[in-house]
Amino acid sequence: MYRLFLIAVLLVVLYYLIRRAMRKIGQSGALEKLRDSGASGSHMVQDPVCRVFVPRENAVREQIGGQTYFFCSRGCATAFEKQLSS
């Protein structure tokens, strides 16, 4: 009877050790993916007119009033300029 109890306890301990090791492996892989995505410069910016998020490298960049704005299209950029002038 004690042998079964001892085996059950050892299996539970082994289960938690394996689970903990798998979590550490998964977390380190996730950190590497975050570092890689940050290095590529794929930050998202929000268009101030239509509120759409666009990758920064694909956005239309405009200098308006000494400040840089990012837009999803030329149409949104001109609409924003008209909004500011009125």
PDB file of N, CA and C in Angstrom:
ATOM      1  N   MET A   1       0.819  -1.196   0.000  1.00  0.00           N
ATOM      2  CA  MET A   1       0.000   0.000   0.000  1.00  0.00           C
ATOM      3  C   MET A   1       0.865   1.262   0.000  1.00  0.00           C
ATOM      4  N   TYR A   2       1.936   1.236   0.816  1.00  0.00           N
ATOM      5  CA  TYR A   2       2.831   2.384   0.866  1.00  0.00           C
ATOM      6  C   TYR A   2       3.571   2.568  -0.449  1.00  0.00           C
ATOM      7  N   ARG A   3       3.842   1.480  -1.119  1.00  0.00           N
ATOM      8  CA  ARG A   3       4.541   1.555  -2.402  1.00  0.00           C
ATOM      9  C   ARG A   3       3.681   2.303  -3.439  1.00  0.00           C
ATOM     10  N   LEU A   4       2.390   2.018  -3.476  1.00  0.00           N
ATOM     11  CA  LEU A   4       1.498   2.714  -4.405  1.00  0.00           C
ATOM     12  C   LEU A   4       1.426   4.210  -4.093  1.00  0.00           C
ATOM     13  N   PHE A   5       1.364   4.535  -2.820  1.00  0.00           N
ATOM     14  CA  PHE A   5       1.335   5.933  -2.414  1.00  0.00           C
ATOM     15  C   PHE A   5       2.638   6.638  -2.798  1.00  0.00           C
ATOM     16  N   LEU A   6       3.760   5.993  -2.575  1.00  0.00           N
ATOM     17  CA  LEU A   6       5.062   6.552  -2.915  1.00  0.00           C
ATOM     18  C   LEU A   6       5.203   6.742  -4.429  1.00  0.00           C
ATOM     19  N   ILE A   7       4.752   5.785  -5.198  1.00  0.00           N
ATOM     20  CA  ILE A   7       4.800   5.895  -6.662  1.00  0.00           C
ATOM     21  C   ILE A   7       3.909   7.035  -7.138  1.00  0.00           C
ATOM     22  N   ALA A   8       2.730   7.188  -6.558  1.00  0.00           N
ATOM     23  CA  ALA A   8       1.818   8.267  -6.936  1.00  0.00           C
ATOM     24  C   ALA A   8       2.441   9.636  -6.640  1.00  0.00           C
ATOM     25  N   VAL A   9       3.064   9.774  -5.487  1.00  0.00           N
ATOM     26  CA  VAL A   9       3.711  11.035  -5.124  1.00  0.00           C
ATOM     27  C   VAL A   9       4.857  11.332  -6.081  1.00  0.00           C
ATOM     28  N   LEU A  10       5.663  10.349  -6.407  1.00  0.00           N
ATOM     29  CA  LEU A  10       6.769  10.549  -7.336  1.00  0.00           C
ATOM     30  C   LEU A  10       6.278  10.940  -8.730  1.00  0.00           C
ATOM     31  N   LEU A  11       5.180  10.334  -9.174  1.00  0.00           N
ATOM     32  CA  LEU A  11       4.616  10.692 -10.479  1.00  0.00           C
ATOM     33  C   LEU A  11       4.105  12.130 -10.493  1.00  0.00           C
ATOM     34  N   VAL A  12       3.489  12.566  -9.412  1.00  0.00           N
ATOM     35  CA  VAL A  12       2.996  13.940  -9.333  1.00  0.00           C
ATOM     36  C   VAL A  12       4.172  14.920  -9.363  1.00  0.00           C
ATOM     37  N   VAL A  13       5.222  14.628  -8.607  1.00  0.00           N
ATOM     38  CA  VAL A  13       6.405  15.495  -8.601  1.00  0.00           C
ATOM     39  C   VAL A  13       7.047  15.535  -9.984  1.00  0.00           C
ATOM     40  N   LEU A  14       7.159  14.398 -10.623  1.00  0.00           N
ATOM     41  CA  LEU A  14       7.717  14.332 -11.963  1.00  0.00           C
ATOM     42  C   LEU A  14       6.874  15.130 -12.952  1.00  0.00           C
ATOM     43  N   TYR A  15       5.574  15.042 -12.836  1.00  0.00           N
ATOM     44  CA  TYR A  15       4.665  15.801 -13.695  1.00  0.00           C
ATOM     45  C   TYR A  15       4.910  17.301 -13.559  1.00  0.00           C
ATOM     46  N   TYR A  16       4.993  17.805 -12.320  1.00  0.00           N
ATOM     47  CA  TYR A  16       5.202  19.234 -12.121  1.00  0.00           C
ATOM     48  C   TYR A  16       6.580  19.690 -12.599  1.00  0.00           C
ATOM     49  N   LEU A  17       7.591  18.867 -12.447  1.00  0.00           N
ATOM     50  CA  LEU A  17       8.920  19.225 -12.940  1.00  0.00           C
ATOM     51  C   LEU A  17       8.948  19.318 -14.459  1.00  0.00           C
ATOM     52  N   ILE A  18       8.309  18.364 -15.119  1.00  0.00           N
ATOM     53  CA  ILE A  18       8.263  18.390 -16.585  1.00  0.00           C
ATOM     54  C   ILE A  18       7.447  19.589 -17.069  1.00  0.00           C
ATOM     55  N   ARG A  19       6.338  19.866 -16.417  1.00  0.00           N
ATOM     56  CA  ARG A  19       5.500  20.999 -16.796  1.00  0.00           C
ATOM     57  C   ARG A  19       6.248  22.321 -16.635  1.00  0.00           C
ATOM     58  N   ARG A  20       7.001  22.450 -15.559  1.00  0.00           N
ATOM     59  CA  ARG A  20       7.781  23.665 -15.321  1.00  0.00           C
ATOM     60  C   ARG A  20       8.871  23.839 -16.373  1.00  0.00           C
ATOM     61  N   ALA A  21       9.523  22.743 -16.742  1.00  0.00           N
ATOM     62  CA  ALA A  21      10.564  22.809 -17.765  1.00  0.00           C
ATOM     63  C   ALA A  21       9.971  23.196 -19.117  1.00  0.00           C
ATOM     64  N   MET A  22       8.810  22.671 -19.450  1.00  0.00           N
ATOM     65  CA  MET A  22       8.168  22.995 -20.727  1.00  0.00           C
ATOM     66  C   MET A  22       7.753  24.466 -20.779  1.00  0.00           C
ATOM     67  N   ARG A  23       7.305  25.011 -19.666  1.00  0.00           N
ATOM     68  CA  ARG A  23       6.924  26.423 -19.624  1.00  0.00           C
ATOM     69  C   ARG A  23       8.138  27.312 -19.853  1.00  0.00           C
ATOM     70  N   LYS A  24       9.271  26.960 -19.241  1.00  0.00           N
ATOM     71  CA  LYS A  24      10.481  27.754 -19.432  1.00  0.00           C
ATOM     72  C   LYS A  24      10.932  27.716 -20.881  1.00  0.00           C
ATOM     73  N   ILE A  25      10.838  26.566 -21.509  1.00  0.00           N
ATOM     74  CA  ILE A  25      11.215  26.454 -22.914  1.00  0.00           C
ATOM     75  C   ILE A  25      10.290  27.303 -23.773  1.00  0.00           C
ATOM     76  N   GLY A  26       9.000  27.255 -23.498  1.00  0.00           N
ATOM     77  CA  GLY A  26       8.025  28.045 -24.256  1.00  0.00           C
ATOM     78  C   GLY A  26       8.221  29.540 -24.069  1.00  0.00           C
ATOM     79  N   GLN A  27       8.526  29.959 -22.855  1.00  0.00           N
ATOM     80  CA  GLN A  27       8.717  31.384 -22.596  1.00  0.00           C
ATOM     81  C   GLN A  27       9.971  31.900 -23.269  1.00  0.00           C
ATOM     82  N   SER A  28      11.030  31.135 -23.268  1.00  0.00           N
ATOM     83  CA  SER A  28      12.257  31.607 -23.910  1.00  0.00           C
ATOM     84  C   SER A  28      12.061  31.702 -25.418  1.00  0.00           C
ATOM     85  N   GLY A  29      11.287  30.803 -26.003  1.00  0.00           N
ATOM     86  CA  GLY A  29      10.986  30.886 -27.431  1.00  0.00           C
ATOM     87  C   GLY A  29      10.134  32.093 -27.746  1.00  0.00           C
ATOM     88  N   ALA A  30       9.193  32.409 -26.871  1.00  0.00           N
ATOM     89  CA  ALA A  30       8.335  33.574 -27.076  1.00  0.00           C
ATOM     90  C   ALA A  30       9.139  34.863 -26.979  1.00  0.00           C
ATOM     91  N   LEU A  31      10.109  34.919 -26.068  1.00  0.00           N
ATOM     92  CA  LEU A  31      10.934  36.112 -25.947  1.00  0.00           C
ATOM     93  C   LEU A  31      11.773  36.330 -27.197  1.00  0.00           C
ATOM     94  N   GLU A  32      12.285  35.257 -27.770  1.00  0.00           N
ATOM     95  CA  GLU A  32      13.071  35.389 -28.995  1.00  0.00           C
ATOM     96  C   GLU A  32      12.203  35.898 -30.137  1.00  0.00           C
ATOM     97  N   LYS A  33      10.963  35.440 -30.217  1.00  0.00           N
ATOM     98  CA  LYS A  33      10.062  35.914 -31.266  1.00  0.00           C
ATOM     99  C   LYS A  33       9.767  37.397 -31.103  1.00  0.00           C
ATOM    100  N   LEU A  34       9.578  37.854 -29.840  1.00  0.00           N
ATOM    101  CA  LEU A  34       9.326  39.272 -29.603  1.00  0.00           C
ATOM    102  C   LEU A  34      10.534  40.106 -29.990  1.00  0.00           C
ATOM    103  N   ARG A  35      11.732  39.634 -29.665  1.00  0.00           N
ATOM    104  CA  ARG A  35      12.938  40.369 -30.039  1.00  0.00           C
ATOM    105  C   ARG A  35      13.075  40.462 -31.551  1.00  0.00           C
ATOM    106  N   ASP A  36      12.795  39.373 -32.250  1.00  0.00           N
ATOM    107  CA  ASP A  36      12.906  39.365 -33.703  1.00  0.00           C
ATOM    108  C   ASP A  36      11.897  40.304 -34.333  1.00  0.00           C
ATOM    109  N   SER A  37      10.664  40.321 -33.837  1.00  0.00           N
ATOM    110  CA  SER A  37       9.652  41.202 -34.433  1.00  0.00           C
ATOM    111  C   SER A  37       9.954  42.659 -34.134  1.00  0.00           C
ATOM    112  N   GLY A  38      10.543  42.951 -32.975  1.00  0.00           N
ATOM    113  CA  GLY A  38      10.921  44.318 -32.653  1.00  0.00           C
ATOM    114  C   GLY A  38      12.081  44.793 -33.501  1.00  0.00           C
ATOM    115  N   ALA A  39      12.954  43.907 -33.868  1.00  0.00           N
ATOM    116  CA  ALA A  39      14.112  44.284 -34.666  1.00  0.00           C
ATOM    117  C   ALA A  39      13.730  44.601 -36.099  1.00  0.00           C
ATOM    118  N   SER A  40      12.657  44.025 -36.589  1.00  0.00           N
ATOM    119  CA  SER A  40      12.271  44.252 -37.973  1.00  0.00           C
ATOM    120  C   SER A  40      11.570  45.599 -38.165  1.00  0.00           C
ATOM    121  N   GLY A  41      11.206  46.289 -37.080  1.00  0.00           N
ATOM    122  CA  GLY A  41      10.582  47.595 -37.189  1.00  0.00           C
ATOM    123  C   GLY A  41       9.127  47.539 -37.612  1.00  0.00           C
ATOM    124  N   SER A  42       8.404  46.517 -37.244  1.00  0.00           N
ATOM    125  CA  SER A  42       7.013  46.377 -37.653  1.00  0.00           C
ATOM    126  C   SER A  42       6.077  46.983 -36.609  1.00  0.00           C
ATOM    127  N   HIS A  43       6.364  48.211 -36.203  1.00  0.00           N
ATOM    128  CA  HIS A  43       5.497  48.895 -35.250  1.00  0.00           C
ATOM    129  C   HIS A  43       4.254  49.397 -35.974  1.00  0.00           C
ATOM    130  N   MET A  44       3.153  49.365 -35.285  1.00  0.00           N
ATOM    131  CA  MET A  44       1.895  49.823 -35.875  1.00  0.00           C
ATOM    132  C   MET A  44       1.639  51.262 -35.430  1.00  0.00           C
ATOM    133  N   VAL A  45       1.120  52.056 -36.354  1.00  0.00           N
ATOM    134  CA  VAL A  45       0.727  53.432 -36.058  1.00  0.00           C
ATOM    135  C   VAL A  45      -0.740  53.597 -36.434  1.00  0.00           C
ATOM    136  N   GLN A  46      -1.406  54.514 -35.738  1.00  0.00           N
ATOM    137  CA  GLN A  46      -2.836  54.715 -35.981  1.00  0.00           C
ATOM    138  C   GLN A  46      -3.062  55.969 -36.816  1.00  0.00           C
ATOM    139  N   ASP A  47      -3.872  55.816 -37.833  1.00  0.00           N
ATOM    140  CA  ASP A  47      -4.265  56.930 -38.692  1.00  0.00           C
ATOM    141  C   ASP A  47      -5.187  57.841 -37.884  1.00  0.00           C
ATOM    142  N   PRO A  48      -4.896  59.154 -37.802  1.00  0.00           N
ATOM    143  CA  PRO A  48      -5.744  60.045 -36.999  1.00  0.00           C
ATOM    144  C   PRO A  48      -7.113  60.332 -37.614  1.00  0.00           C
ATOM    145  N   VAL A  49      -7.310  60.011 -38.891  1.00  0.00           N
ATOM    146  CA  VAL A  49      -8.589  60.295 -39.545  1.00  0.00           C
ATOM    147  C   VAL A  49      -9.540  59.120 -39.399  1.00  0.00           C
ATOM    148  N   CYS A  50      -9.137  57.967 -39.912  1.00  0.00           N
ATOM    149  CA  CYS A  50     -10.055  56.813 -39.914  1.00  0.00           C
ATOM    150  C   CYS A  50      -9.758  55.817 -38.797  1.00  0.00           C
ATOM    151  N   ARG A  51      -8.760  56.085 -37.978  1.00  0.00           N
ATOM    152  CA  ARG A  51      -8.418  55.267 -36.798  1.00  0.00           C
ATOM    153  C   ARG A  51      -7.989  53.838 -37.139  1.00  0.00           C
ATOM    154  N   VAL A  52      -7.464  53.623 -38.324  1.00  0.00           N
ATOM    155  CA  VAL A  52      -6.992  52.307 -38.743  1.00  0.00           C
ATOM    156  C   VAL A  52      -5.528  52.183 -38.348  1.00  0.00           C
ATOM    157  N   PHE A  53      -5.113  51.009 -37.889  1.00  0.00           N
ATOM    158  CA  PHE A  53      -3.713  50.758 -37.577  1.00  0.00           C
ATOM    159  C   PHE A  53      -3.007  50.244 -38.823  1.00  0.00           C
ATOM    160  N   VAL A  54      -1.839  50.842 -39.101  1.00  0.00           N
ATOM    161  CA  VAL A  54      -1.071  50.544 -40.304  1.00  0.00           C
ATOM    162  C   VAL A  54       0.372  50.269 -39.878  1.00  0.00           C
ATOM    163  N   PRO A  55       1.063  49.304 -40.508  1.00  0.00           N
ATOM    164  CA  PRO A  55       2.493  49.139 -40.219  1.00  0.00           C
ATOM    165  C   PRO A  55       3.248  50.427 -40.551  1.00  0.00           C
ATOM    166  N   ARG A  56       4.133  50.827 -39.683  1.00  0.00           N
ATOM    167  CA  ARG A  56       4.826  52.105 -39.826  1.00  0.00           C
ATOM    168  C   ARG A  56       5.564  52.225 -41.161  1.00  0.00           C
ATOM    169  N   GLU A  57       6.176  51.127 -41.614  1.00  0.00           N
ATOM    170  CA  GLU A  57       6.934  51.197 -42.857  1.00  0.00           C
ATOM    171  C   GLU A  57       6.035  51.331 -44.084  1.00  0.00           C
ATOM    172  N   ASN A  58       4.743  51.005 -43.981  1.00  0.00           N
ATOM    173  CA  ASN A  58       3.804  51.121 -45.103  1.00  0.00           C
ATOM    174  C   ASN A  58       2.946  52.388 -45.040  1.00  0.00           C
ATOM    175  N   ALA A  59       3.042  53.126 -43.950  1.00  0.00           N
ATOM    176  CA  ALA A  59       2.182  54.293 -43.754  1.00  0.00           C
ATOM    177  C   ALA A  59       2.671  55.476 -44.586  1.00  0.00           C
ATOM    178  N   VAL A  60       1.734  56.352 -44.917  1.00  0.00           N
ATOM    179  CA  VAL A  60       2.052  57.607 -45.606  1.00  0.00           C
ATOM    180  C   VAL A  60       2.467  58.607 -44.533  1.00  0.00           C
ATOM    181  N   ARG A  61       3.674  59.127 -44.648  1.00  0.00           N
ATOM    182  CA  ARG A  61       4.225  60.037 -43.630  1.00  0.00           C
ATOM    183  C   ARG A  61       4.108  61.467 -44.131  1.00  0.00           C
ATOM    184  N   GLU A  62       3.551  62.349 -43.284  1.00  0.00           N
ATOM    185  CA  GLU A  62       3.391  63.761 -43.638  1.00  0.00           C
ATOM    186  C   GLU A  62       3.874  64.629 -42.488  1.00  0.00           C
ATOM    187  N   GLN A  63       4.587  65.705 -42.832  1.00  0.00           N
ATOM    188  CA  GLN A  63       4.993  66.714 -41.859  1.00  0.00           C
ATOM    189  C   GLN A  63       3.976  67.847 -41.932  1.00  0.00           C
ATOM    190  N   ILE A  64       3.190  68.009 -40.882  1.00  0.00           N
ATOM    191  CA  ILE A  64       2.160  69.048 -40.854  1.00  0.00           C
ATOM    192  C   ILE A  64       2.351  69.860 -39.583  1.00  0.00           C
ATOM    193  N   GLY A  65       2.608  71.143 -39.742  1.00  0.00           N
ATOM    194  CA  GLY A  65       2.787  72.017 -38.586  1.00  0.00           C
ATOM    195  C   GLY A  65       3.976  71.640 -37.727  1.00  0.00           C
ATOM    196  N   GLY A  66       5.022  71.109 -38.342  1.00  0.00           N
ATOM    197  CA  GLY A  66       6.222  70.731 -37.598  1.00  0.00           C
ATOM    198  C   GLY A  66       6.113  69.397 -36.871  1.00  0.00           C
ATOM    199  N   GLN A  67       5.029  68.693 -37.067  1.00  0.00           N
ATOM    200  CA  GLN A  67       4.830  67.394 -36.427  1.00  0.00           C
ATOM    201  C   GLN A  67       4.630  66.324 -37.496  1.00  0.00           C
ATOM    202  N   THR A  68       5.134  65.129 -37.244  1.00  0.00           N
ATOM    203  CA  THR A  68       5.006  64.030 -38.193  1.00  0.00           C
ATOM    204  C   THR A  68       3.748  63.232 -37.891  1.00  0.00           C
ATOM    205  N   TYR A  69       2.938  63.008 -38.917  1.00  0.00           N
ATOM    206  CA  TYR A  69       1.722  62.206 -38.820  1.00  0.00           C
ATOM    207  C   TYR A  69       1.833  61.037 -39.785  1.00  0.00           C
ATOM    208  N   PHE A  70       1.195  59.924 -39.426  1.00  0.00           N
ATOM    209  CA  PHE A  70       1.180  58.737 -40.270  1.00  0.00           C
ATOM    210  C   PHE A  70      -0.262  58.447 -40.681  1.00  0.00           C
ATOM    211  N   PHE A  71      -0.456  58.160 -41.975  1.00  0.00           N
ATOM    212  CA  PHE A  71      -1.791  57.918 -42.512  1.00  0.00           C
ATOM    213  C   PHE A  71      -1.814  56.608 -43.276  1.00  0.00           C
ATOM    214  N   CYS A  72      -3.008  56.060 -43.439  1.00  0.00           N
ATOM    215  CA  CYS A  72      -3.150  54.814 -44.186  1.00  0.00           C
ATOM    216  C   CYS A  72      -3.135  55.057 -45.686  1.00  0.00           C
ATOM    217  N   SER A  73      -3.503  56.292 -46.117  1.00  0.00           N
ATOM    218  CA  SER A  73      -3.544  56.605 -47.554  1.00  0.00           C
ATOM    219  C   SER A  73      -3.361  58.101 -47.761  1.00  0.00           C
ATOM    220  N   ARG A  74      -3.134  58.478 -49.009  1.00  0.00           N
ATOM    221  CA  ARG A  74      -3.028  59.898 -49.367  1.00  0.00           C
ATOM    222  C   ARG A  74      -4.349  60.627 -49.098  1.00  0.00           C
ATOM    223  N   GLY A  75      -5.460  59.948 -49.342  1.00  0.00           N
ATOM    224  CA  GLY A  75      -6.773  60.549 -49.120  1.00  0.00           C
ATOM    225  C   GLY A  75      -6.975  60.967 -47.675  1.00  0.00           C
ATOM    226  N   CYS A  76      -6.543  60.133 -46.752  1.00  0.00           N
ATOM    227  CA  CYS A  76      -6.665  60.483 -45.335  1.00  0.00           C
ATOM    228  C   CYS A  76      -5.740  61.646 -44.987  1.00  0.00           C
ATOM    229  N   ALA A  77      -4.580  61.695 -45.616  1.00  0.00           N
ATOM    230  CA  ALA A  77      -3.647  62.795 -45.356  1.00  0.00           C
ATOM    231  C   ALA A  77      -4.236  64.126 -45.808  1.00  0.00           C
ATOM    232  N   THR A  78      -4.831  64.162 -47.000  1.00  0.00           N
ATOM    233  CA  THR A  78      -5.431  65.408 -47.481  1.00  0.00           C
ATOM    234  C   THR A  78      -6.665  65.796 -46.663  1.00  0.00           C
ATOM    235  N   ALA A  79      -7.445  64.784 -46.249  1.00  0.00           N
ATOM    236  CA  ALA A  79      -8.622  65.059 -45.402  1.00  0.00           C
ATOM    237  C   ALA A  79      -8.183  65.652 -44.067  1.00  0.00           C
ATOM    238  N   PHE A  80      -7.082  65.173 -43.517  1.00  0.00           N
ATOM    239  CA  PHE A  80      -6.575  65.694 -42.244  1.00  0.00           C
ATOM    240  C   PHE A  80      -6.098  67.129 -42.411  1.00  0.00           C
ATOM    241  N   GLU A  81      -5.408  67.408 -43.503  1.00  0.00           N
ATOM    242  CA  GLU A  81      -4.948  68.767 -43.760  1.00  0.00           C
ATOM    243  C   GLU A  81      -6.129  69.721 -43.920  1.00  0.00           C
ATOM    244  N   LYS A  82      -7.189  69.277 -44.581  1.00  0.00           N
ATOM    245  CA  LYS A  82      -8.391  70.110 -44.744  1.00  0.00           C
ATOM    246  C   LYS A  82      -9.057  70.340 -43.385  1.00  0.00           C
ATOM    247  N   GLN A  83      -9.042  69.307 -42.545  1.00  0.00           N
ATOM    248  CA  GLN A  83      -9.635  69.426 -41.208  1.00  0.00           C
ATOM    249  C   GLN A  83      -8.885  70.463 -40.380  1.00  0.00           C
ATOM    250  N   LEU A  84      -7.564  70.444 -40.471  1.00  0.00           N
ATOM    251  CA  LEU A  84      -6.765  71.390 -39.689  1.00  0.00           C
ATOM    252  C   LEU A  84      -6.916  72.815 -40.212  1.00  0.00           C
ATOM    253  N   SER A  85      -7.074  72.979 -41.518  1.00  0.00           N
ATOM    254  CA  SER A  85      -7.168  74.335 -42.077  1.00  0.00           C
ATOM    255  C   SER A  85      -8.517  74.986 -41.821  1.00  0.00           C
ATOM    256  N   SER A  86      -9.546  74.199 -41.570  1.00  0.00           N
ATOM    257  CA  SER A  86     -10.871  74.777 -41.337  1.00  0.00           C
ATOM    258  C   SER A  86     -11.139  75.081 -39.885  1.00  0.00           C
TER     259      SER A  86
END
